[in-house]
């Protein structure tokens, strides 16, 4: 996946990911942090994203994994 394709796909999912982050954290500040960390990790690992069809699942799985890891550390 090219950088431009990644950004296009991620932009399309932005609202969905922000809503998911709010739903998981129940806190706007934590939700913003979770969204940003998800964006960073997704970009860093964009070569693993596969095709456009699976991009949403792949991205939300990253977010859920980050949230789960943070929650288990507390």
C-alpha atoms as a PDB file:
ATOM      1  CA  UNK A   1       0.000   0.000   0.000  1.00  0.00           C
ATOM      2  CA  UNK A   2       1.410   3.369  -0.985  1.00  0.00           C
ATOM      3  CA  UNK A   3       1.551   6.274   1.428  1.00  0.00           C
ATOM      4  CA  UNK A   4      -1.186   8.077  -0.506  1.00  0.00           C
ATOM      5  CA  UNK A   5      -3.432   5.003  -0.440  1.00  0.00           C
ATOM      6  CA  UNK A   6      -2.819   4.639   3.274  1.00  0.00           C
ATOM      7  CA  UNK A   7      -3.724   8.258   3.995  1.00  0.00           C
ATOM      8  CA  UNK A   8      -6.825   8.043   1.808  1.00  0.00           C
ATOM      9  CA  UNK A   9      -8.034   4.879   3.548  1.00  0.00           C
ATOM     10  CA  UNK A  10      -7.223   6.185   7.018  1.00  0.00           C
ATOM     11  CA  UNK A  11      -8.985   9.492   6.354  1.00  0.00           C
ATOM     12  CA  UNK A  12     -12.127   7.609   5.302  1.00  0.00           C
ATOM     13  CA  UNK A  13     -12.088   5.761   8.636  1.00  0.00           C
ATOM     14  CA  UNK A  14     -11.208   8.723  10.812  1.00  0.00           C
ATOM     15  CA  UNK A  15     -14.718   9.299  12.197  1.00  0.00           C
ATOM     16  CA  UNK A  16     -15.286   5.578  12.808  1.00  0.00           C
ATOM     17  CA  UNK A  17     -11.979   5.275  14.666  1.00  0.00           C
ATOM     18  CA  UNK A  18     -12.603   8.405  16.724  1.00  0.00           C
ATOM     19  CA  UNK A  19     -16.048   7.115  17.707  1.00  0.00           C
ATOM     20  CA  UNK A  20     -14.593   3.727  18.616  1.00  0.00           C
ATOM     21  CA  UNK A  21     -11.893   5.384  20.734  1.00  0.00           C
ATOM     22  CA  UNK A  22     -14.554   7.383  22.613  1.00  0.00           C
ATOM     23  CA  UNK A  23     -16.624   4.259  23.106  1.00  0.00           C
ATOM     24  CA  UNK A  24     -13.686   2.303  24.493  1.00  0.00           C
ATOM     25  CA  UNK A  25     -12.197   4.963  26.769  1.00  0.00           C
ATOM     26  CA  UNK A  26     -15.291   6.932  27.851  1.00  0.00           C
ATOM     27  CA  UNK A  27     -12.961   9.950  28.067  1.00  0.00           C
ATOM     28  CA  UNK A  28     -12.218  12.497  25.315  1.00  0.00           C
ATOM     29  CA  UNK A  29      -8.577  13.055  26.245  1.00  0.00           C
ATOM     30  CA  UNK A  30      -7.852   9.325  26.432  1.00  0.00           C
ATOM     31  CA  UNK A  31      -9.783   8.824  23.192  1.00  0.00           C
ATOM     32  CA  UNK A  32      -7.593  11.381  21.400  1.00  0.00           C
ATOM     33  CA  UNK A  33      -4.463   9.666  22.690  1.00  0.00           C
ATOM     34  CA  UNK A  34      -5.760   6.261  21.613  1.00  0.00           C
ATOM     35  CA  UNK A  35      -6.663   7.574  18.151  1.00  0.00           C
ATOM     36  CA  UNK A  36      -3.227   9.160  17.715  1.00  0.00           C
ATOM     37  CA  UNK A  37      -1.405   6.025  18.845  1.00  0.00           C
ATOM     38  CA  UNK A  38      -3.520   3.974  16.448  1.00  0.00           C
ATOM     39  CA  UNK A  39      -2.711   6.317  13.565  1.00  0.00           C
ATOM     40  CA  UNK A  40       1.003   6.151  14.382  1.00  0.00           C
ATOM     41  CA  UNK A  41       1.120   2.350  14.615  1.00  0.00           C
ATOM     42  CA  UNK A  42      -1.017   1.880  11.526  1.00  0.00           C
ATOM     43  CA  UNK A  43       1.267   4.172   9.512  1.00  0.00           C
ATOM     44  CA  UNK A  44       4.375   2.514  10.892  1.00  0.00           C
ATOM     45  CA  UNK A  45       3.043  -0.925   9.890  1.00  0.00           C
ATOM     46  CA  UNK A  46       1.189   0.059   6.718  1.00  0.00           C
ATOM     47  CA  UNK A  47       2.968  -2.675   4.752  1.00  0.00           C
ATOM     48  CA  UNK A  48       0.846  -5.163   6.738  1.00  0.00           C
ATOM     49  CA  UNK A  49      -2.466  -3.457   5.915  1.00  0.00           C
ATOM     50  CA  UNK A  50      -3.331  -5.652   2.979  1.00  0.00           C
ATOM     51  CA  UNK A  51      -6.077  -4.451   0.672  1.00  0.00           C
ATOM     52  CA  UNK A  52      -8.681  -1.723   1.011  1.00  0.00           C
ATOM     53  CA  UNK A  53     -11.386  -4.238   1.882  1.00  0.00           C
ATOM     54  CA  UNK A  54      -9.683  -5.314   5.117  1.00  0.00           C
ATOM     55  CA  UNK A  55      -8.288  -1.913   6.087  1.00  0.00           C
ATOM     56  CA  UNK A  56     -11.080  -1.049   8.528  1.00  0.00           C
ATOM     57  CA  UNK A  57     -10.808  -4.385  10.332  1.00  0.00           C
ATOM     58  CA  UNK A  58      -7.030  -4.103  10.450  1.00  0.00           C
ATOM     59  CA  UNK A  59      -7.165  -0.536  11.828  1.00  0.00           C
ATOM     60  CA  UNK A  60      -9.806  -1.246  14.447  1.00  0.00           C
ATOM     61  CA  UNK A  61      -7.886  -4.318  15.583  1.00  0.00           C
ATOM     62  CA  UNK A  62      -4.832  -2.122  16.145  1.00  0.00           C
ATOM     63  CA  UNK A  63      -6.916   0.259  18.262  1.00  0.00           C
ATOM     64  CA  UNK A  64      -8.495  -2.526  20.292  1.00  0.00           C
ATOM     65  CA  UNK A  65      -5.097  -4.091  20.890  1.00  0.00           C
ATOM     66  CA  UNK A  66      -3.602  -0.811  22.117  1.00  0.00           C
ATOM     67  CA  UNK A  67      -6.604  -0.241  24.395  1.00  0.00           C
ATOM     68  CA  UNK A  68      -6.429  -3.756  25.782  1.00  0.00           C
ATOM     69  CA  UNK A  69      -2.706  -3.492  26.451  1.00  0.00           C
ATOM     70  CA  UNK A  70      -3.116  -0.162  28.235  1.00  0.00           C
ATOM     71  CA  UNK A  71      -5.992  -1.492  30.311  1.00  0.00           C
ATOM     72  CA  UNK A  72      -4.061  -4.576  31.414  1.00  0.00           C
ATOM     73  CA  UNK A  73      -1.127  -2.438  32.613  1.00  0.00           C
ATOM     74  CA  UNK A  74      -3.290  -0.492  35.059  1.00  0.00           C
END
